[in-house]
PDB file of all heavy atoms in Angstrom:
ATOM      1  N   SER A   1       2.606  -5.166  -8.511  1.00  0.00           N
ATOM      2  CA  SER A   1       1.864  -3.943  -8.765  1.00  0.00           C
ATOM      3  C   SER A   1       0.465  -4.095  -8.177  1.00  0.00           C
ATOM      4  O   SER A   1       0.009  -5.213  -7.918  1.00  0.00           O
ATOM      5  CB  SER A   1       1.782  -3.676 -10.268  1.00  0.00           C
ATOM      6  OG  SER A   1       3.074  -3.458 -10.793  1.00  0.00           O
ATOM      7  N   VAL A   2      -0.216  -2.986  -7.985  1.00  0.00           N
ATOM      8  CA  VAL A   2      -1.524  -3.024  -7.309  1.00  0.00           C
ATOM      9  C   VAL A   2      -2.476  -3.998  -7.986  1.00  0.00           C
ATOM     10  O   VAL A   2      -3.147  -4.800  -7.323  1.00  0.00           O
ATOM     11  CB  VAL A   2      -2.134  -1.614  -7.240  1.00  0.00           C
ATOM     12  CG1 VAL A   2      -3.598  -1.672  -6.838  1.00  0.00           C
ATOM     13  CG2 VAL A   2      -1.372  -0.749  -6.242  1.00  0.00           C
ATOM     14  N   TRP A   3      -2.536  -3.954  -9.322  1.00  0.00           N
ATOM     15  CA  TRP A   3      -3.473  -4.861 -10.011  1.00  0.00           C
ATOM     16  C   TRP A   3      -3.074  -6.323  -9.805  1.00  0.00           C
ATOM     17  O   TRP A   3      -3.932  -7.197  -9.684  1.00  0.00           O
ATOM     18  CB  TRP A   3      -3.556  -4.525 -11.499  1.00  0.00           C
ATOM     19  CG  TRP A   3      -2.295  -4.756 -12.269  1.00  0.00           C
ATOM     20  CD1 TRP A   3      -1.299  -3.869 -12.523  1.00  0.00           C
ATOM     21  CD2 TRP A   3      -1.879  -5.991 -12.861  1.00  0.00           C
ATOM     22  NE1 TRP A   3      -0.289  -4.450 -13.239  1.00  0.00           N
ATOM     23  CE2 TRP A   3      -0.617  -5.750 -13.466  1.00  0.00           C
ATOM     24  CE3 TRP A   3      -2.448  -7.248 -12.955  1.00  0.00           C
ATOM     25  CZ2 TRP A   3       0.080  -6.738 -14.142  1.00  0.00           C
ATOM     26  CZ3 TRP A   3      -1.755  -8.246 -13.629  1.00  0.00           C
ATOM     27  CH2 TRP A   3      -0.500  -7.990 -14.208  1.00  0.00           C
ATOM     28  N   MET A   4      -1.748  -6.596  -9.738  1.00  0.00           N
ATOM     29  CA  MET A   4      -1.298  -7.962  -9.494  1.00  0.00           C
ATOM     30  C   MET A   4      -1.509  -8.363  -8.043  1.00  0.00           C
ATOM     31  O   MET A   4      -1.746  -9.539  -7.742  1.00  0.00           O
ATOM     32  CB  MET A   4       0.171  -8.116  -9.903  1.00  0.00           C
ATOM     33  CG  MET A   4       0.728  -9.526  -9.703  1.00  0.00           C
ATOM     34  SD  MET A   4      -0.194 -10.843 -10.548  1.00  0.00           S
ATOM     35  CE  MET A   4       0.388 -10.658 -12.227  1.00  0.00           C
ATOM     36  N   HIS A   5      -1.426  -7.411  -7.136  1.00  0.00           N
ATOM     37  CA  HIS A   5      -1.796  -7.640  -5.744  1.00  0.00           C
ATOM     38  C   HIS A   5      -3.221  -8.209  -5.709  1.00  0.00           C
ATOM     39  O   HIS A   5      -3.502  -9.207  -5.034  1.00  0.00           O
ATOM     40  CB  HIS A   5      -1.699  -6.302  -4.989  1.00  0.00           C
ATOM     41  CG  HIS A   5      -2.166  -6.305  -3.569  1.00  0.00           C
ATOM     42  ND1 HIS A   5      -1.872  -5.263  -2.707  1.00  0.00           N
ATOM     43  CD2 HIS A   5      -2.932  -7.155  -2.847  1.00  0.00           C
ATOM     44  CE1 HIS A   5      -2.416  -5.505  -1.535  1.00  0.00           C
ATOM     45  NE2 HIS A   5      -3.076  -6.636  -1.593  1.00  0.00           N
ATOM     46  N   ASP A   6      -4.121  -7.597  -6.477  1.00  0.00           N
ATOM     47  CA  ASP A   6      -5.505  -8.081  -6.528  1.00  0.00           C
ATOM     48  C   ASP A   6      -5.599  -9.474  -7.127  1.00  0.00           C
ATOM     49  O   ASP A   6      -6.340 -10.331  -6.630  1.00  0.00           O
ATOM     50  CB  ASP A   6      -6.370  -7.104  -7.330  1.00  0.00           C
ATOM     51  CG  ASP A   6      -6.653  -5.811  -6.583  1.00  0.00           C
ATOM     52  OD1 ASP A   6      -6.765  -5.844  -5.349  1.00  0.00           O
ATOM     53  OD2 ASP A   6      -6.781  -4.754  -7.239  1.00  0.00           O
ATOM     54  N   VAL A   7      -4.847  -9.717  -8.205  1.00  0.00           N
ATOM     55  CA  VAL A   7      -4.856 -11.039  -8.834  1.00  0.00           C
ATOM     56  C   VAL A   7      -4.370 -12.097  -7.849  1.00  0.00           C
ATOM     57  O   VAL A   7      -4.989 -13.159  -7.681  1.00  0.00           O
ATOM     58  CB  VAL A   7      -3.970 -11.041 -10.099  1.00  0.00           C
ATOM     59  CG1 VAL A   7      -3.755 -12.471 -10.616  1.00  0.00           C
ATOM     60  CG2 VAL A   7      -4.591 -10.177 -11.198  1.00  0.00           C
ATOM     61  N   MET A   8      -3.263 -11.822  -7.162  1.00  0.00           N
ATOM     62  CA  MET A   8      -2.686 -12.805  -6.251  1.00  0.00           C
ATOM     63  C   MET A   8      -3.588 -13.047  -5.040  1.00  0.00           C
ATOM     64  O   MET A   8      -3.662 -14.166  -4.519  1.00  0.00           O
ATOM     65  CB  MET A   8      -1.287 -12.354  -5.818  1.00  0.00           C
ATOM     66  CG  MET A   8      -0.304 -12.281  -6.983  1.00  0.00           C
ATOM     67  SD  MET A   8       1.374 -11.792  -6.500  1.00  0.00           S
ATOM     68  CE  MET A   8       1.988 -13.351  -5.851  1.00  0.00           C
ATOM     69  N   PHE A   9      -4.275 -12.006  -4.605  1.00  0.00           N
ATOM     70  CA  PHE A   9      -5.240 -12.181  -3.516  1.00  0.00           C
ATOM     71  C   PHE A   9      -6.338 -13.153  -3.951  1.00  0.00           C
ATOM     72  O   PHE A   9      -6.696 -14.081  -3.216  1.00  0.00           O
ATOM     73  CB  PHE A   9      -5.840 -10.832  -3.133  1.00  0.00           C
ATOM     74  CG  PHE A   9      -6.875 -10.914  -2.047  1.00  0.00           C
ATOM     75  CD1 PHE A   9      -6.524 -10.788  -0.713  1.00  0.00           C
ATOM     76  CD2 PHE A   9      -8.219 -11.136  -2.358  1.00  0.00           C
ATOM     77  CE1 PHE A   9      -7.481 -10.881   0.287  1.00  0.00           C
ATOM     78  CE2 PHE A   9      -9.182 -11.225  -1.362  1.00  0.00           C
ATOM     79  CZ  PHE A   9      -8.808 -11.098  -0.038  1.00  0.00           C
ATOM     80  N   LYS A  10      -6.869 -12.934  -5.152  1.00  0.00           N
ATOM     81  CA  LYS A  10      -7.955 -13.789  -5.644  1.00  0.00           C
ATOM     82  C   LYS A  10      -7.496 -15.229  -5.839  1.00  0.00           C
ATOM     83  O   LYS A  10      -8.296 -16.161  -5.728  1.00  0.00           O
ATOM     84  CB  LYS A  10      -8.502 -13.221  -6.956  1.00  0.00           C
ATOM     85  CG  LYS A  10      -9.218 -11.892  -6.783  1.00  0.00           C
ATOM     86  CD  LYS A  10      -9.533 -11.243  -8.132  1.00  0.00           C
ATOM     87  CE  LYS A  10     -10.122  -9.857  -7.952  1.00  0.00           C
ATOM     88  NZ  LYS A  10     -10.336  -9.157  -9.256  1.00  0.00           N
ATOM     89  N   LEU A  11      -6.218 -15.414  -6.119  1.00  0.00           N
ATOM     90  CA  LEU A  11      -5.668 -16.758  -6.289  1.00  0.00           C
ATOM     91  C   LEU A  11      -5.283 -17.410  -4.963  1.00  0.00           C
ATOM     92  O   LEU A  11      -4.835 -18.561  -4.938  1.00  0.00           O
ATOM     93  CB  LEU A  11      -4.442 -16.700  -7.205  1.00  0.00           C
ATOM     94  CG  LEU A  11      -4.703 -16.348  -8.672  1.00  0.00           C
ATOM     95  CD1 LEU A  11      -3.392 -16.148  -9.419  1.00  0.00           C
ATOM     96  CD2 LEU A  11      -5.536 -17.429  -9.348  1.00  0.00           C
ATOM     97  N   GLY A  12      -5.444 -16.669  -3.863  1.00  0.00           N
ATOM     98  CA  GLY A  12      -5.136 -17.228  -2.544  1.00  0.00           C
ATOM     99  C   GLY A  12      -3.654 -17.384  -2.276  1.00  0.00           C
ATOM    100  O   GLY A  12      -3.251 -18.265  -1.497  1.00  0.00           O
ATOM    101  N   LEU A  13      -2.815 -16.528  -2.861  1.00  0.00           N
ATOM    102  CA  LEU A  13      -1.366 -16.671  -2.731  1.00  0.00           C
ATOM    103  C   LEU A  13      -0.751 -15.813  -1.632  1.00  0.00           C
ATOM    104  O   LEU A  13       0.433 -15.953  -1.333  1.00  0.00           O
ATOM    105  CB  LEU A  13      -0.695 -16.315  -4.060  1.00  0.00           C
ATOM    106  CG  LEU A  13      -1.049 -17.213  -5.249  1.00  0.00           C
ATOM    107  CD1 LEU A  13      -0.425 -16.663  -6.527  1.00  0.00           C
ATOM    108  CD2 LEU A  13      -0.584 -18.644  -4.996  1.00  0.00           C
ATOM    109  N   LEU A  14      -1.542 -14.917  -1.031  1.00  0.00           N
ATOM    110  CA  LEU A  14      -0.997 -13.960  -0.084  1.00  0.00           C
ATOM    111  C   LEU A  14      -1.336 -14.312   1.369  1.00  0.00           C
ATOM    112  O   LEU A  14      -2.439 -14.779   1.664  1.00  0.00           O
ATOM    113  CB  LEU A  14      -1.513 -12.552  -0.399  1.00  0.00           C
ATOM    114  CG  LEU A  14      -1.253 -12.053  -1.819  1.00  0.00           C
ATOM    115  CD1 LEU A  14      -1.827 -10.656  -1.996  1.00  0.00           C
ATOM    116  CD2 LEU A  14       0.238 -12.071  -2.151  1.00  0.00           C
ATOM    117  N   ALA A  15      -0.382 -14.048   2.256  1.00  0.00           N
ATOM    118  CA  ALA A  15      -0.588 -14.273   3.685  1.00  0.00           C
ATOM    119  C   ALA A  15      -1.193 -13.026   4.325  1.00  0.00           C
ATOM    120  O   ALA A  15      -0.817 -11.903   3.979  1.00  0.00           O
ATOM    121  CB  ALA A  15       0.738 -14.607   4.363  1.00  0.00           C
ATOM    122  N   LYS A  16      -2.092 -13.215   5.247  1.00  0.00           N
ATOM    123  CA  LYS A  16      -2.626 -12.082   6.002  1.00  0.00           C
ATOM    124  C   LYS A  16      -1.588 -11.683   7.048  1.00  0.00           C
ATOM    125  O   LYS A  16      -1.137 -12.503   7.847  1.00  0.00           O
ATOM    126  CB  LYS A  16      -3.938 -12.454   6.668  1.00  0.00           C
ATOM    127  CG  LYS A  16      -4.656 -11.273   7.293  1.00  0.00           C
ATOM    128  CD  LYS A  16      -6.022 -11.659   7.842  1.00  0.00           C
ATOM    129  CE  LYS A  16      -6.737 -10.423   8.394  1.00  0.00           C
ATOM    130  NZ  LYS A  16      -8.049 -10.764   8.987  1.00  0.00           N
ATOM    131  N   THR A  17      -1.198 -10.419   7.027  1.00  0.00           N
ATOM    132  CA  THR A  17      -0.158  -9.936   7.937  1.00  0.00           C
ATOM    133  C   THR A  17      -0.691  -9.008   9.018  1.00  0.00           C
ATOM    134  O   THR A  17      -0.007  -8.764  10.005  1.00  0.00           O
ATOM    135  CB  THR A  17       0.919  -9.164   7.156  1.00  0.00           C
ATOM    136  OG1 THR A  17       0.313  -8.005   6.552  1.00  0.00           O
ATOM    137  CG2 THR A  17       1.547 -10.034   6.067  1.00  0.00           C
ATOM    138  N   ASP A  18      -1.895  -8.469   8.804  1.00  0.00           N
ATOM    139  CA  ASP A  18      -2.466  -7.448   9.709  1.00  0.00           C
ATOM    140  C   ASP A  18      -1.503  -6.280   9.888  1.00  0.00           C
ATOM    141  O   ASP A  18      -1.443  -5.666  10.955  1.00  0.00           O
ATOM    142  CB  ASP A  18      -2.810  -8.066  11.070  1.00  0.00           C
ATOM    143  CG  ASP A  18      -3.932  -9.101  10.972  1.00  0.00           C
ATOM    144  OD1 ASP A  18      -4.926  -8.811  10.295  1.00  0.00           O
ATOM    145  OD2 ASP A  18      -3.788 -10.187  11.555  1.00  0.00           O
ATOM    146  N   ILE A  19      -0.774  -5.960   8.813  1.00  0.00           N
ATOM    147  CA  ILE A  19       0.254  -4.926   8.916  1.00  0.00           C
ATOM    148  C   ILE A  19      -0.334  -3.560   9.263  1.00  0.00           C
ATOM    149  O   ILE A  19       0.332  -2.737   9.905  1.00  0.00           O
ATOM    150  CB  ILE A  19       1.094  -4.865   7.609  1.00  0.00           C
ATOM    151  CG1 ILE A  19       2.364  -4.054   7.819  1.00  0.00           C
ATOM    152  CG2 ILE A  19       0.280  -4.340   6.447  1.00  0.00           C
ATOM    153  CD1 ILE A  19       3.318  -4.649   8.835  1.00  0.00           C
ATOM    154  N   SER A  20      -1.557  -3.305   8.875  1.00  0.00           N
ATOM    155  CA  SER A  20      -2.155  -1.995   9.165  1.00  0.00           C
ATOM    156  C   SER A  20      -2.383  -1.791  10.654  1.00  0.00           C
ATOM    157  O   SER A  20      -2.598  -0.655  11.095  1.00  0.00           O
ATOM    158  CB  SER A  20      -3.475  -1.829   8.415  1.00  0.00           C
ATOM    159  OG  SER A  20      -4.393  -2.845   8.782  1.00  0.00           O
ATOM    160  N   GLY A  21      -2.325  -2.874  11.429  1.00  0.00           N
ATOM    161  CA  GLY A  21      -2.490  -2.764  12.879  1.00  0.00           C
ATOM    162  C   GLY A  21      -1.186  -2.510  13.610  1.00  0.00           C
ATOM    163  O   GLY A  21      -1.191  -2.317  14.834  1.00  0.00           O
ATOM    164  N   HIS A  22      -0.071  -2.490  12.899  1.00  0.00           N
ATOM    165  CA  HIS A  22       1.229  -2.256  13.523  1.00  0.00           C
ATOM    166  C   HIS A  22       1.449  -0.756  13.728  1.00  0.00           C
ATOM    167  O   HIS A  22       0.985   0.067  12.927  1.00  0.00           O
ATOM    168  CB  HIS A  22       2.350  -2.840  12.654  1.00  0.00           C
ATOM    169  CG  HIS A  22       2.356  -4.336  12.612  1.00  0.00           C
ATOM    170  ND1 HIS A  22       3.502  -5.088  12.751  1.00  0.00           N
ATOM    171  CD2 HIS A  22       1.350  -5.244  12.471  1.00  0.00           C
ATOM    172  CE1 HIS A  22       3.210  -6.372  12.683  1.00  0.00           C
ATOM    173  NE2 HIS A  22       1.916  -6.491  12.498  1.00  0.00           N
ATOM    174  N   PRO A  23       2.165  -0.370  14.770  1.00  0.00           N
ATOM    175  CA  PRO A  23       2.347   1.063  15.079  1.00  0.00           C
ATOM    176  C   PRO A  23       2.920   1.881  13.933  1.00  0.00           C
ATOM    177  O   PRO A  23       2.519   3.020  13.695  1.00  0.00           O
ATOM    178  CB  PRO A  23       3.307   1.041  16.278  1.00  0.00           C
ATOM    179  CG  PRO A  23       3.063  -0.273  16.928  1.00  0.00           C
ATOM    180  CD  PRO A  23       2.766  -1.234  15.807  1.00  0.00           C
ATOM    181  N   GLY A  24       3.866   1.301  13.188  1.00  0.00           N
ATOM    182  CA  GLY A  24       4.521   2.042  12.114  1.00  0.00           C
ATOM    183  C   GLY A  24       3.601   2.380  10.949  1.00  0.00           C
ATOM    184  O   GLY A  24       3.924   3.249  10.127  1.00  0.00           O
ATOM    185  N   PHE A  25       2.440   1.728  10.879  1.00  0.00           N
ATOM    186  CA  PHE A  25       1.556   1.954   9.745  1.00  0.00           C
ATOM    187  C   PHE A  25       0.979   3.374   9.747  1.00  0.00           C
ATOM    188  O   PHE A  25       0.496   3.848   8.719  1.00  0.00           O
ATOM    189  CB  PHE A  25       0.416   0.929   9.716  1.00  0.00           C
ATOM    190  CG  PHE A  25      -0.292   0.858   8.393  1.00  0.00           C
ATOM    191  CD1 PHE A  25       0.251   0.141   7.335  1.00  0.00           C
ATOM    192  CD2 PHE A  25      -1.491   1.528   8.189  1.00  0.00           C
ATOM    193  CE1 PHE A  25      -0.395   0.088   6.102  1.00  0.00           C
ATOM    194  CE2 PHE A  25      -2.142   1.487   6.970  1.00  0.00           C
ATOM    195  CZ  PHE A  25      -1.585   0.758   5.916  1.00  0.00           C
ATOM    196  N   LYS A  26       1.082   4.040  10.873  1.00  0.00           N
ATOM    197  CA  LYS A  26       0.608   5.434  10.930  1.00  0.00           C
ATOM    198  C   LYS A  26       1.393   6.320   9.965  1.00  0.00           C
ATOM    199  O   LYS A  26       0.939   7.417   9.595  1.00  0.00           O
ATOM    200  CB  LYS A  26       0.731   5.984  12.357  1.00  0.00           C
ATOM    201  CG  LYS A  26       2.170   6.150  12.856  1.00  0.00           C
ATOM    202  CD  LYS A  26       2.205   6.677  14.273  1.00  0.00           C
ATOM    203  CE  LYS A  26       3.645   6.914  14.758  1.00  0.00           C
ATOM    204  NZ  LYS A  26       4.425   5.680  14.819  1.00  0.00           N
ATOM    205  N   ASN A  27       2.581   5.856   9.559  1.00  0.00           N
ATOM    206  CA  ASN A  27       3.403   6.630   8.631  1.00  0.00           C
ATOM    207  C   ASN A  27       2.942   6.512   7.177  1.00  0.00           C
ATOM    208  O   ASN A  27       3.384   7.288   6.330  1.00  0.00           O
ATOM    209  CB  ASN A  27       4.860   6.151   8.705  1.00  0.00           C
ATOM    210  CG  ASN A  27       5.484   6.400  10.064  1.00  0.00           C
ATOM    211  OD1 ASN A  27       5.159   7.371  10.730  1.00  0.00           O
ATOM    212  ND2 ASN A  27       6.378   5.504  10.477  1.00  0.00           N
ATOM    213  N   ILE A  28       2.089   5.549   6.890  1.00  0.00           N
ATOM    214  CA  ILE A  28       1.728   5.239   5.504  1.00  0.00           C
ATOM    215  C   ILE A  28       0.560   6.095   5.028  1.00  0.00           C
ATOM    216  O   ILE A  28      -0.466   6.207   5.697  1.00  0.00           O
ATOM    217  CB  ILE A  28       1.395   3.744   5.356  1.00  0.00           C
ATOM    218  CG1 ILE A  28       2.559   2.882   5.878  1.00  0.00           C
ATOM    219  CG2 ILE A  28       1.076   3.411   3.909  1.00  0.00           C
ATOM    220  CD1 ILE A  28       3.890   3.150   5.205  1.00  0.00           C
ATOM    221  N   ASP A  29       0.730   6.684   3.860  1.00  0.00           N
ATOM    222  CA  ASP A  29      -0.293   7.531   3.259  1.00  0.00           C
ATOM    223  C   ASP A  29      -1.574   6.720   3.026  1.00  0.00           C
ATOM    224  O   ASP A  29      -1.549   5.712   2.311  1.00  0.00           O
ATOM    225  CB  ASP A  29       0.234   8.062   1.923  1.00  0.00           C
ATOM    226  CG  ASP A  29      -0.709   9.061   1.258  1.00  0.00           C
ATOM    227  OD1 ASP A  29      -1.826   9.265   1.756  1.00  0.00           O
ATOM    228  OD2 ASP A  29      -0.310   9.626   0.224  1.00  0.00           O
ATOM    229  N   PRO A  30      -2.702   7.144   3.620  1.00  0.00           N
ATOM    230  CA  PRO A  30      -3.962   6.404   3.411  1.00  0.00           C
ATOM    231  C   PRO A  30      -4.331   6.280   1.939  1.00  0.00           C
ATOM    232  O   PRO A  30      -4.959   5.295   1.538  1.00  0.00           O
ATOM    233  CB  PRO A  30      -4.994   7.251   4.176  1.00  0.00           C
ATOM    234  CG  PRO A  30      -4.207   7.991   5.196  1.00  0.00           C
ATOM    235  CD  PRO A  30      -2.875   8.275   4.548  1.00  0.00           C
ATOM    236  N   ALA A  31      -3.939   7.244   1.120  1.00  0.00           N
ATOM    237  CA  ALA A  31      -4.277   7.216  -0.307  1.00  0.00           C
ATOM    238  C   ALA A  31      -3.571   6.085  -1.045  1.00  0.00           C
ATOM    239  O   ALA A  31      -3.945   5.745  -2.171  1.00  0.00           O
ATOM    240  CB  ALA A  31      -3.931   8.553  -0.960  1.00  0.00           C
ATOM    241  N   SER A  32      -2.559   5.492  -0.423  1.00  0.00           N
ATOM    242  CA  SER A  32      -1.805   4.426  -1.085  1.00  0.00           C
ATOM    243  C   SER A  32      -2.449   3.057  -0.916  1.00  0.00           C
ATOM    244  O   SER A  32      -1.966   2.081  -1.481  1.00  0.00           O
ATOM    245  CB  SER A  32      -0.361   4.381  -0.560  1.00  0.00           C
ATOM    246  OG  SER A  32      -0.323   3.979   0.794  1.00  0.00           O
ATOM    247  N   ARG A  33      -3.533   2.986  -0.173  1.00  0.00           N
ATOM    248  CA  ARG A  33      -4.246   1.706  -0.041  1.00  0.00           C
ATOM    249  C   ARG A  33      -5.132   1.532  -1.267  1.00  0.00           C
ATOM    250  O   ARG A  33      -6.350   1.686  -1.210  1.00  0.00           O
ATOM    251  CB  ARG A  33      -5.048   1.673   1.258  1.00  0.00           C
ATOM    252  CG  ARG A  33      -4.173   1.486   2.489  1.00  0.00           C
ATOM    253  CD  ARG A  33      -4.969   1.390   3.751  1.00  0.00           C
ATOM    254  NE  ARG A  33      -5.275   2.705   4.302  1.00  0.00           N
ATOM    255  CZ  ARG A  33      -5.978   2.908   5.419  1.00  0.00           C
ATOM    256  NH1 ARG A  33      -6.459   1.888   6.093  1.00  0.00           N
ATOM    257  NH2 ARG A  33      -6.196   4.126   5.845  1.00  0.00           N
ATOM    258  N   ARG A  34      -4.501   1.194  -2.371  1.00  0.00           N
ATOM    259  CA  ARG A  34      -5.191   1.203  -3.662  1.00  0.00           C
ATOM    260  C   ARG A  34      -5.701  -0.165  -4.098  1.00  0.00           C
ATOM    261  O   ARG A  34      -6.486  -0.258  -5.040  1.00  0.00           O
ATOM    262  CB  ARG A  34      -4.253   1.760  -4.739  1.00  0.00           C
ATOM    263  CG  ARG A  34      -3.947   3.237  -4.582  1.00  0.00           C
ATOM    264  CD  ARG A  34      -3.143   3.773  -5.752  1.00  0.00           C
ATOM    265  NE  ARG A  34      -3.106   5.228  -5.771  1.00  0.00           N
ATOM    266  CZ  ARG A  34      -2.131   5.967  -5.266  1.00  0.00           C
ATOM    267  NH1 ARG A  34      -1.086   5.366  -4.703  1.00  0.00           N
ATOM    268  NH2 ARG A  34      -2.178   7.290  -5.316  1.00  0.00           N
ATOM    269  N   ALA A  35      -5.246  -1.243  -3.489  1.00  0.00           N
ATOM    270  CA  ALA A  35      -5.684  -2.578  -3.907  1.00  0.00           C
ATOM    271  C   ALA A  35      -7.161  -2.765  -3.561  1.00  0.00           C
ATOM    272  O   ALA A  35      -7.571  -2.597  -2.409  1.00  0.00           O
ATOM    273  CB  ALA A  35      -4.839  -3.648  -3.231  1.00  0.00           C
ATOM    274  N   GLU A  36      -7.949  -3.116  -4.556  1.00  0.00           N
ATOM    275  CA  GLU A  36      -9.386  -3.272  -4.342  1.00  0.00           C
ATOM    276  C   GLU A  36      -9.703  -4.432  -3.405  1.00  0.00           C
ATOM    277  O   GLU A  36     -10.698  -4.398  -2.678  1.00  0.00           O
ATOM    278  CB  GLU A  36     -10.082  -3.469  -5.692  1.00  0.00           C
ATOM    279  CG  GLU A  36      -9.996  -2.252  -6.605  1.00  0.00           C
ATOM    280  CD  GLU A  36     -10.586  -2.492  -7.984  1.00  0.00           C
ATOM    281  OE1 GLU A  36     -10.955  -3.657  -8.275  1.00  0.00           O
ATOM    282  OE2 GLU A  36     -10.678  -1.526  -8.760  1.00  0.00           O
ATOM    283  N   THR A  37      -8.846  -5.451  -3.399  1.00  0.00           N
ATOM    284  CA  THR A  37      -9.084  -6.617  -2.558  1.00  0.00           C
ATOM    285  C   THR A  37      -8.525  -6.462  -1.152  1.00  0.00           C
ATOM    286  O   THR A  37      -8.752  -7.314  -0.290  1.00  0.00           O
ATOM    287  CB  THR A  37      -8.443  -7.866  -3.192  1.00  0.00           C
ATOM    288  OG1 THR A  37      -7.041  -7.600  -3.395  1.00  0.00           O
ATOM    289  CG2 THR A  37      -9.098  -8.203  -4.524  1.00  0.00           C
ATOM    290  N   ASP A  38      -7.783  -5.382  -0.912  1.00  0.00           N
ATOM    291  CA  ASP A  38      -7.102  -5.199   0.374  1.00  0.00           C
ATOM    292  C   ASP A  38      -7.202  -3.741   0.825  1.00  0.00           C
ATOM    293  O   ASP A  38      -6.188  -3.099   1.113  1.00  0.00           O
ATOM    294  CB  ASP A  38      -5.632  -5.620   0.221  1.00  0.00           C
ATOM    295  CG  ASP A  38      -4.885  -5.771   1.539  1.00  0.00           C
ATOM    296  OD1 ASP A  38      -5.543  -5.827   2.598  1.00  0.00           O
ATOM    297  OD2 ASP A  38      -3.638  -5.815   1.497  1.00  0.00           O
ATOM    298  N   PRO A  39      -8.417  -3.194   0.912  1.00  0.00           N
ATOM    299  CA  PRO A  39      -8.572  -1.763   1.192  1.00  0.00           C
ATOM    300  C   PRO A  39      -8.075  -1.340   2.564  1.00  0.00           C
ATOM    301  O   PRO A  39      -7.756  -0.164   2.775  1.00  0.00           O
ATOM    302  CB  PRO A  39     -10.081  -1.544   1.053  1.00  0.00           C
ATOM    303  CG  PRO A  39     -10.686  -2.887   1.345  1.00  0.00           C
ATOM    304  CD  PRO A  39      -9.723  -3.872   0.767  1.00  0.00           C
ATOM    305  N   ASN A  40      -8.001  -2.275   3.490  1.00  0.00           N
ATOM    306  CA  ASN A  40      -7.551  -1.947   4.843  1.00  0.00           C
ATOM    307  C   ASN A  40      -6.115  -2.351   5.105  1.00  0.00           C
ATOM    308  O   ASN A  40      -5.645  -2.295   6.248  1.00  0.00           O
ATOM    309  CB  ASN A  40      -8.477  -2.622   5.870  1.00  0.00           C
ATOM    310  CG  ASN A  40      -9.901  -2.125   5.758  1.00  0.00           C
ATOM    311  OD1 ASN A  40     -10.150  -0.934   5.602  1.00  0.00           O
ATOM    312  ND2 ASN A  40     -10.860  -3.050   5.814  1.00  0.00           N
ATOM    313  N   ALA A  41      -5.418  -2.772   4.065  1.00  0.00           N
ATOM    314  CA  ALA A  41      -4.019  -3.211   4.187  1.00  0.00           C
ATOM    315  C   ALA A  41      -3.875  -4.298   5.247  1.00  0.00           C
ATOM    316  O   ALA A  41      -2.962  -4.269   6.074  1.00  0.00           O
ATOM    317  CB  ALA A  41      -3.100  -2.039   4.492  1.00  0.00           C
ATOM    318  N   ASP A  42      -4.760  -5.263   5.207  1.00  0.00           N
ATOM    319  CA  ASP A  42      -4.654  -6.413   6.106  1.00  0.00           C
ATOM    320  C   ASP A  42      -3.602  -7.401   5.619  1.00  0.00           C
ATOM    321  O   ASP A  42      -3.133  -8.239   6.386  1.00  0.00           O
ATOM    322  CB  ASP A  42      -6.003  -7.130   6.207  1.00  0.00           C
ATOM    323  CG  ASP A  42      -7.083  -6.281   6.854  1.00  0.00           C
ATOM    324  OD1 ASP A  42      -6.754  -5.534   7.805  1.00  0.00           O
ATOM    325  OD2 ASP A  42      -8.243  -6.341   6.412  1.00  0.00           O
ATOM    326  N   TYR A  43      -3.246  -7.315   4.344  1.00  0.00           N
ATOM    327  CA  TYR A  43      -2.318  -8.269   3.749  1.00  0.00           C
ATOM    328  C   TYR A  43      -0.969  -7.636   3.391  1.00  0.00           C
ATOM    329  O   TYR A  43       0.077  -8.139   3.789  1.00  0.00           O
ATOM    330  CB  TYR A  43      -2.947  -8.902   2.493  1.00  0.00           C
ATOM    331  CG  TYR A  43      -4.016  -9.907   2.822  1.00  0.00           C
ATOM    332  CD1 TYR A  43      -5.283  -9.489   3.215  1.00  0.00           C
ATOM    333  CD2 TYR A  43      -3.760 -11.272   2.770  1.00  0.00           C
ATOM    334  CE1 TYR A  43      -6.279 -10.408   3.542  1.00  0.00           C
ATOM    335  CE2 TYR A  43      -4.747 -12.212   3.097  1.00  0.00           C
ATOM    336  CZ  TYR A  43      -6.003 -11.764   3.484  1.00  0.00           C
ATOM    337  OH  TYR A  43      -6.969 -12.667   3.816  1.00  0.00           O
ATOM    338  N   CYS A  44      -0.997  -6.556   2.622  1.00  0.00           N
ATOM    339  CA  CYS A  44       0.239  -6.022   2.044  1.00  0.00           C
ATOM    340  C   CYS A  44       0.510  -4.586   2.482  1.00  0.00           C
ATOM    341  O   CYS A  44      -0.411  -3.843   2.842  1.00  0.00           O
ATOM    342  CB  CYS A  44       0.169  -6.072   0.524  1.00  0.00           C
ATOM    343  SG  CYS A  44      -0.080  -7.741  -0.150  1.00  0.00           S
ATOM    344  N   LEU A  45       1.783  -4.223   2.403  1.00  0.00           N
ATOM    345  CA  LEU A  45       2.225  -2.871   2.743  1.00  0.00           C
ATOM    346  C   LEU A  45       2.468  -2.083   1.461  1.00  0.00           C
ATOM    347  O   LEU A  45       3.292  -2.480   0.632  1.00  0.00           O
ATOM    348  CB  LEU A  45       3.521  -2.942   3.546  1.00  0.00           C
ATOM    349  CG  LEU A  45       4.184  -1.598   3.881  1.00  0.00           C
ATOM    350  CD1 LEU A  45       3.335  -0.831   4.892  1.00  0.00           C
ATOM    351  CD2 LEU A  45       5.599  -1.814   4.425  1.00  0.00           C
TER     352      LEU A  45
END
């Protein structure tokens, strides 16, 4: 969940994927980037 996304980021458990730089990311609703630690979706989709 979004809040756990933030917890796991702070614990250093997540890999940086740069998924927001992939072409398909244009399909994703900008309003869904809700994680406070990952506002640009550099880590999670």
